[in-house]
Amino acid sequence: MPFIDVTLVEGRSPDQLRALVTALTEAAASTVDAPRESIRVVIREVPPTHWAAGDVTIAERRGTPSEGLTP
């Protein structure tokens, strides 16, 4: 049973997330010959203030105010 765990920054629409689930399910079914009903997909959405690379959050890179800080 394939288990696909996706972590994304918040901001996609429900339709985009649904399309991602469908695309990942199709990809797993066709590449590893898994029955669709056995494929699990989890999508985790992270606020841009909680995701950083090189000590800079995505919110900071985008120039949006961080939670709890005054601009």
PDB file of N, CA and C in Angstrom:
ATOM      1  N   MET A   1       0.843  -1.172   0.000  1.00  0.00           N
ATOM      2  CA  MET A   1       0.000   0.000   0.000  1.00  0.00           C
ATOM      3  C   MET A   1       0.891   1.239   0.000  1.00  0.00           C
ATOM      4  N   PRO A   2       0.935   1.999  -1.104  1.00  0.00           N
ATOM      5  CA  PRO A   2       1.703   3.237  -1.126  1.00  0.00           C
ATOM      6  C   PRO A   2       1.091   4.287  -0.205  1.00  0.00           C
ATOM      7  N   PHE A   3       1.954   4.996   0.510  1.00  0.00           N
ATOM      8  CA  PHE A   3       1.544   6.107   1.366  1.00  0.00           C
ATOM      9  C   PHE A   3       2.328   7.321   0.900  1.00  0.00           C
ATOM     10  N   ILE A   4       1.633   8.332   0.408  1.00  0.00           N
ATOM     11  CA  ILE A   4       2.269   9.525  -0.131  1.00  0.00           C
ATOM     12  C   ILE A   4       1.993  10.683   0.819  1.00  0.00           C
ATOM     13  N   ASP A   5       3.047  11.294   1.335  1.00  0.00           N
ATOM     14  CA  ASP A   5       2.944  12.380   2.309  1.00  0.00           C
ATOM     15  C   ASP A   5       3.496  13.646   1.663  1.00  0.00           C
ATOM     16  N   VAL A   6       2.645  14.650   1.489  1.00  0.00           N
ATOM     17  CA  VAL A   6       3.020  15.895   0.823  1.00  0.00           C
ATOM     18  C   VAL A   6       2.937  17.037   1.827  1.00  0.00           C
ATOM     19  N   THR A   7       3.961  17.866   1.876  1.00  0.00           N
ATOM     20  CA  THR A   7       3.944  19.064   2.711  1.00  0.00           C
ATOM     21  C   THR A   7       4.086  20.272   1.795  1.00  0.00           C
ATOM     22  N   LEU A   8       3.139  21.195   1.923  1.00  0.00           N
ATOM     23  CA  LEU A   8       3.105  22.397   1.095  1.00  0.00           C
ATOM     24  C   LEU A   8       2.890  23.624   1.966  1.00  0.00           C
ATOM     25  N   VAL A   9       3.315  24.758   1.479  1.00  0.00           N
ATOM     26  CA  VAL A   9       2.963  26.015   2.127  1.00  0.00           C
ATOM     27  C   VAL A   9       1.494  26.287   1.814  1.00  0.00           C
ATOM     28  N   GLU A  10       0.764  26.802   2.790  1.00  0.00           N
ATOM     29  CA  GLU A  10      -0.647  27.140   2.600  1.00  0.00           C
ATOM     30  C   GLU A  10      -0.834  28.055   1.397  1.00  0.00           C
ATOM     31  N   GLY A  11      -2.034  27.969   0.816  1.00  0.00           N
ATOM     32  CA  GLY A  11      -2.358  28.921  -0.236  1.00  0.00           C
ATOM     33  C   GLY A  11      -3.003  28.326  -1.467  1.00  0.00           C
ATOM     34  N   ARG A  12      -3.083  27.011  -1.557  1.00  0.00           N
ATOM     35  CA  ARG A  12      -3.726  26.407  -2.720  1.00  0.00           C
ATOM     36  C   ARG A  12      -5.223  26.266  -2.473  1.00  0.00           C
ATOM     37  N   SER A  13      -5.971  26.290  -3.546  1.00  0.00           N
ATOM     38  CA  SER A  13      -7.424  26.148  -3.439  1.00  0.00           C
ATOM     39  C   SER A  13      -7.786  24.680  -3.203  1.00  0.00           C
ATOM     40  N   PRO A  14      -8.990  24.425  -2.691  1.00  0.00           N
ATOM     41  CA  PRO A  14      -9.435  23.036  -2.540  1.00  0.00           C
ATOM     42  C   PRO A  14      -9.404  22.273  -3.867  1.00  0.00           C
ATOM     43  N   ASP A  15      -9.727  22.944  -4.962  1.00  0.00           N
ATOM     44  CA  ASP A  15      -9.687  22.280  -6.268  1.00  0.00           C
ATOM     45  C   ASP A  15      -8.264  21.888  -6.653  1.00  0.00           C
ATOM     46  N   GLN A  16      -7.300  22.742  -6.361  1.00  0.00           N
ATOM     47  CA  GLN A  16      -5.903  22.415  -6.654  1.00  0.00           C
ATOM     48  C   GLN A  16      -5.435  21.233  -5.813  1.00  0.00           C
ATOM     49  N   LEU A  17      -5.797  21.222  -4.543  1.00  0.00           N
ATOM     50  CA  LEU A  17      -5.400  20.116  -3.667  1.00  0.00           C
ATOM     51  C   LEU A  17      -6.051  18.818  -4.122  1.00  0.00           C
ATOM     52  N   ARG A  18      -7.309  18.887  -4.535  1.00  0.00           N
ATOM     53  CA  ARG A  18      -8.002  17.691  -5.018  1.00  0.00           C
ATOM     54  C   ARG A  18      -7.337  17.160  -6.279  1.00  0.00           C
ATOM     55  N   ALA A  19      -6.958  18.078  -7.182  1.00  0.00           N
ATOM     56  CA  ALA A  19      -6.271  17.674  -8.410  1.00  0.00           C
ATOM     57  C   ALA A  19      -4.928  17.022  -8.099  1.00  0.00           C
ATOM     58  N   LEU A  20      -4.238  17.518  -7.082  1.00  0.00           N
ATOM     59  CA  LEU A  20      -2.972  16.924  -6.667  1.00  0.00           C
ATOM     60  C   LEU A  20      -3.183  15.499  -6.165  1.00  0.00           C
ATOM     61  N   VAL A  21      -4.204  15.296  -5.356  1.00  0.00           N
ATOM     62  CA  VAL A  21      -4.513  13.947  -4.856  1.00  0.00           C
ATOM     63  C   VAL A  21      -4.763  13.004  -6.033  1.00  0.00           C
ATOM     64  N   THR A  22      -5.546  13.448  -6.998  1.00  0.00           N
ATOM     65  CA  THR A  22      -5.845  12.617  -8.167  1.00  0.00           C
ATOM     66  C   THR A  22      -4.580  12.297  -8.952  1.00  0.00           C
ATOM     67  N   ALA A  23      -3.744  13.311  -9.202  1.00  0.00           N
ATOM     68  CA  ALA A  23      -2.517  13.103  -9.976  1.00  0.00           C
ATOM     69  C   ALA A  23      -1.552  12.158  -9.263  1.00  0.00           C
ATOM     70  N   LEU A  24      -1.412  12.313  -7.954  1.00  0.00           N
ATOM     71  CA  LEU A  24      -0.519  11.433  -7.195  1.00  0.00           C
ATOM     72  C   LEU A  24      -1.047  10.002  -7.170  1.00  0.00           C
ATOM     73  N   THR A  25      -2.348   9.864  -7.024  1.00  0.00           N
ATOM     74  CA  THR A  25      -2.952   8.529  -7.027  1.00  0.00           C
ATOM     75  C   THR A  25      -2.733   7.855  -8.373  1.00  0.00           C
ATOM     76  N   GLU A  26      -2.978   8.586  -9.451  1.00  0.00           N
ATOM     77  CA  GLU A  26      -2.767   8.039 -10.798  1.00  0.00           C
ATOM     78  C   GLU A  26      -1.310   7.644 -11.011  1.00  0.00           C
ATOM     79  N   ALA A  27      -0.385   8.503 -10.575  1.00  0.00           N
ATOM     80  CA  ALA A  27       1.041   8.218 -10.750  1.00  0.00           C
ATOM     81  C   ALA A  27       1.447   6.961  -9.994  1.00  0.00           C
ATOM     82  N   ALA A  28       0.992   6.835  -8.762  1.00  0.00           N
ATOM     83  CA  ALA A  28       1.342   5.649  -7.973  1.00  0.00           C
ATOM     84  C   ALA A  28       0.716   4.395  -8.573  1.00  0.00           C
ATOM     85  N   ALA A  29      -0.526   4.498  -8.996  1.00  0.00           N
ATOM     86  CA  ALA A  29      -1.210   3.333  -9.564  1.00  0.00           C
ATOM     87  C   ALA A  29      -0.504   2.846 -10.826  1.00  0.00           C
ATOM     88  N   SER A  30      -0.075   3.773 -11.673  1.00  0.00           N
ATOM     89  CA  SER A  30       0.538   3.364 -12.937  1.00  0.00           C
ATOM     90  C   SER A  30       2.001   2.960 -12.800  1.00  0.00           C
ATOM     91  N   THR A  31       2.723   3.526 -11.845  1.00  0.00           N
ATOM     92  CA  THR A  31       4.158   3.219 -11.753  1.00  0.00           C
ATOM     93  C   THR A  31       4.480   2.023 -10.874  1.00  0.00           C
ATOM     94  N   VAL A  32       3.698   1.790  -9.836  1.00  0.00           N
ATOM     95  CA  VAL A  32       3.996   0.654  -8.953  1.00  0.00           C
ATOM     96  C   VAL A  32       2.894  -0.399  -8.985  1.00  0.00           C
ATOM     97  N   ASP A  33       1.975  -0.238  -9.943  1.00  0.00           N
ATOM     98  CA  ASP A  33       0.906  -1.214 -10.158  1.00  0.00           C
ATOM     99  C   ASP A  33       0.109  -1.479  -8.881  1.00  0.00           C
ATOM    100  N   ALA A  34      -0.168  -0.406  -8.142  1.00  0.00           N
ATOM    101  CA  ALA A  34      -0.942  -0.531  -6.900  1.00  0.00           C
ATOM    102  C   ALA A  34      -2.418  -0.288  -7.200  1.00  0.00           C
ATOM    103  N   PRO A  35      -3.286  -1.045  -6.566  1.00  0.00           N
ATOM    104  CA  PRO A  35      -4.719  -0.765  -6.726  1.00  0.00           C
ATOM    105  C   PRO A  35      -5.033   0.620  -6.157  1.00  0.00           C
ATOM    106  N   ARG A  36      -5.852   1.385  -6.863  1.00  0.00           N
ATOM    107  CA  ARG A  36      -6.167   2.752  -6.435  1.00  0.00           C
ATOM    108  C   ARG A  36      -6.676   2.796  -4.998  1.00  0.00           C
ATOM    109  N   GLU A  37      -7.495   1.823  -4.615  1.00  0.00           N
ATOM    110  CA  GLU A  37      -8.081   1.841  -3.266  1.00  0.00           C
ATOM    111  C   GLU A  37      -7.047   1.597  -2.167  1.00  0.00           C
ATOM    112  N   SER A  38      -5.850   1.148  -2.539  1.00  0.00           N
ATOM    113  CA  SER A  38      -4.817   0.910  -1.529  1.00  0.00           C
ATOM    114  C   SER A  38      -3.872   2.107  -1.365  1.00  0.00           C
ATOM    115  N   ILE A  39      -4.025   3.121  -2.201  1.00  0.00           N
ATOM    116  CA  ILE A  39      -3.118   4.272  -2.189  1.00  0.00           C
ATOM    117  C   ILE A  39      -3.634   5.318  -1.209  1.00  0.00           C
ATOM    118  N   ARG A  40      -2.756   5.776  -0.332  1.00  0.00           N
ATOM    119  CA  ARG A  40      -3.098   6.793   0.662  1.00  0.00           C
ATOM    120  C   ARG A  40      -2.310   8.067   0.362  1.00  0.00           C
ATOM    121  N   VAL A  41      -2.988   9.205   0.424  1.00  0.00           N
ATOM    122  CA  VAL A  41      -2.341  10.500   0.209  1.00  0.00           C
ATOM    123  C   VAL A  41      -2.699  11.405   1.379  1.00  0.00           C
ATOM    124  N   VAL A  42      -1.690  12.009   1.989  1.00  0.00           N
ATOM    125  CA  VAL A  42      -1.889  12.985   3.060  1.00  0.00           C
ATOM    126  C   VAL A  42      -1.254  14.293   2.601  1.00  0.00           C
ATOM    127  N   ILE A  43      -2.010  15.372   2.724  1.00  0.00           N
ATOM    128  CA  ILE A  43      -1.480  16.697   2.394  1.00  0.00           C
ATOM    129  C   ILE A  43      -1.447  17.520   3.669  1.00  0.00           C
ATOM    130  N   ARG A  44      -0.280  18.026   3.990  1.00  0.00           N
ATOM    131  CA  ARG A  44      -0.102  18.895   5.160  1.00  0.00           C
ATOM    132  C   ARG A  44       0.181  20.306   4.642  1.00  0.00           C
ATOM    133  N   GLU A  45      -0.580  21.261   5.132  1.00  0.00           N
ATOM    134  CA  GLU A  45      -0.360  22.650   4.748  1.00  0.00           C
ATOM    135  C   GLU A  45       0.254  23.401   5.923  1.00  0.00           C
ATOM    136  N   VAL A  46       1.341  24.086   5.644  1.00  0.00           N
ATOM    137  CA  VAL A  46       2.104  24.784   6.673  1.00  0.00           C
ATOM    138  C   VAL A  46       1.989  26.289   6.434  1.00  0.00           C
ATOM    139  N   PRO A  47       1.724  27.076   7.483  1.00  0.00           N
ATOM    140  CA  PRO A  47       1.702  28.529   7.310  1.00  0.00           C
ATOM    141  C   PRO A  47       3.077  29.031   6.867  1.00  0.00           C
ATOM    142  N   PRO A  48       3.130  30.063   6.038  1.00  0.00           N
ATOM    143  CA  PRO A  48       4.418  30.573   5.563  1.00  0.00           C
ATOM    144  C   PRO A  48       5.316  31.100   6.679  1.00  0.00           C
ATOM    145  N   THR A  49       4.728  31.396   7.838  1.00  0.00           N
ATOM    146  CA  THR A  49       5.540  31.844   8.976  1.00  0.00           C
ATOM    147  C   THR A  49       6.194  30.675   9.701  1.00  0.00           C
ATOM    148  N   HIS A  50       5.799  29.452   9.369  1.00  0.00           N
ATOM    149  CA  HIS A  50       6.327  28.263  10.045  1.00  0.00           C
ATOM    150  C   HIS A  50       7.241  27.439   9.151  1.00  0.00           C
ATOM    151  N   TRP A  51       7.666  27.977   8.031  1.00  0.00           N
ATOM    152  CA  TRP A  51       8.535  27.258   7.098  1.00  0.00           C
ATOM    153  C   TRP A  51       9.702  28.179   6.775  1.00  0.00           C
ATOM    154  N   ALA A  52      10.898  27.719   7.058  1.00  0.00           N
ATOM    155  CA  ALA A  52      12.074  28.564   6.829  1.00  0.00           C
ATOM    156  C   ALA A  52      13.180  27.779   6.149  1.00  0.00           C
ATOM    157  N   ALA A  53      13.983  28.504   5.416  1.00  0.00           N
ATOM    158  CA  ALA A  53      15.209  27.966   4.830  1.00  0.00           C
ATOM    159  C   ALA A  53      16.279  29.033   5.006  1.00  0.00           C
ATOM    160  N   GLY A  54      17.405  28.641   5.535  1.00  0.00           N
ATOM    161  CA  GLY A  54      18.481  29.600   5.751  1.00  0.00           C
ATOM    162  C   GLY A  54      18.092  30.698   6.728  1.00  0.00           C
ATOM    163  N   ASP A  55      17.292  30.348   7.738  1.00  0.00           N
ATOM    164  CA  ASP A  55      16.862  31.275   8.787  1.00  0.00           C
ATOM    165  C   ASP A  55      15.959  32.394   8.272  1.00  0.00           C
ATOM    166  N   VAL A  56      15.333  32.187   7.117  1.00  0.00           N
ATOM    167  CA  VAL A  56      14.388  33.160   6.570  1.00  0.00           C
ATOM    168  C   VAL A  56      13.096  32.414   6.262  1.00  0.00           C
ATOM    169  N   THR A  57      11.986  32.898   6.844  1.00  0.00           N
ATOM    170  CA  THR A  57      10.711  32.230   6.582  1.00  0.00           C
ATOM    171  C   THR A  57      10.205  32.593   5.188  1.00  0.00           C
ATOM    172  N   ILE A  58       9.289  31.779   4.709  1.00  0.00           N
ATOM    173  CA  ILE A  58       8.675  32.077   3.414  1.00  0.00           C
ATOM    174  C   ILE A  58       7.916  33.395   3.493  1.00  0.00           C
ATOM    175  N   ALA A  59       7.262  33.650   4.626  1.00  0.00           N
ATOM    176  CA  ALA A  59       6.557  34.924   4.803  1.00  0.00           C
ATOM    177  C   ALA A  59       7.528  36.095   4.671  1.00  0.00           C
ATOM    178  N   GLU A  60       8.712  35.961   5.256  1.00  0.00           N
ATOM    179  CA  GLU A  60       9.714  37.029   5.146  1.00  0.00           C
ATOM    180  C   GLU A  60      10.189  37.183   3.703  1.00  0.00           C
ATOM    181  N   ARG A  61      10.383  36.073   3.025  1.00  0.00           N
ATOM    182  CA  ARG A  61      10.800  36.136   1.620  1.00  0.00           C
ATOM    183  C   ARG A  61       9.749  36.829   0.765  1.00  0.00           C
ATOM    184  N   ARG A  62       8.483  36.575   1.098  1.00  0.00           N
ATOM    185  CA  ARG A  62       7.378  37.191   0.355  1.00  0.00           C
ATOM    186  C   ARG A  62       7.132  38.632   0.781  1.00  0.00           C
ATOM    187  N   GLY A  63       7.721  39.031   1.899  1.00  0.00           N
ATOM    188  CA  GLY A  63       7.518  40.381   2.394  1.00  0.00           C
ATOM    189  C   GLY A  63       6.209  40.570   3.134  1.00  0.00           C
ATOM    190  N   THR A  64       5.629  39.458   3.634  1.00  0.00           N
ATOM    191  CA  THR A  64       4.391  39.557   4.402  1.00  0.00           C
ATOM    192  C   THR A  64       4.725  39.594   5.880  1.00  0.00           C
ATOM    193  N   PRO A  65       3.958  40.332   6.675  1.00  0.00           N
ATOM    194  CA  PRO A  65       4.243  40.409   8.113  1.00  0.00           C
ATOM    195  C   PRO A  65       4.112  39.055   8.795  1.00  0.00           C
ATOM    196  N   SER A  66       4.978  38.800   9.745  1.00  0.00           N
ATOM    197  CA  SER A  66       4.919  37.567  10.528  1.00  0.00           C
ATOM    198  C   SER A  66       3.878  37.698  11.621  1.00  0.00           C
ATOM    199  N   GLU A  67       3.357  36.562  12.073  1.00  0.00           N
ATOM    200  CA  GLU A  67       2.392  36.551  13.164  1.00  0.00           C
ATOM    201  C   GLU A  67       3.038  37.115  14.419  1.00  0.00           C
ATOM    202  N   GLY A  68       2.329  38.005  15.092  1.00  0.00           N
ATOM    203  CA  GLY A  68       2.801  38.513  16.366  1.00  0.00           C
ATOM    204  C   GLY A  68       3.844  39.610  16.272  1.00  0.00           C
ATOM    205  N   LEU A  69       4.242  39.964  15.083  1.00  0.00           N
ATOM    206  CA  LEU A  69       5.235  41.022  14.917  1.00  0.00           C
ATOM    207  C   LEU A  69       4.588  42.209  14.221  1.00  0.00           C
ATOM    208  N   THR A  70       4.941  43.385  14.642  1.00  0.00           N
ATOM    209  CA  THR A  70       4.421  44.576  13.974  1.00  0.00           C
ATOM    210  C   THR A  70       5.345  44.945  12.833  1.00  0.00           C
ATOM    211  N   PRO A  71       4.777  45.306  11.687  1.00  0.00           N
ATOM    212  CA  PRO A  71       5.626  45.626  10.528  1.00  0.00           C
ATOM    213  C   PRO A  71       6.404  46.909  10.703  1.00  0.00           C
TER     214      PRO A  71
END
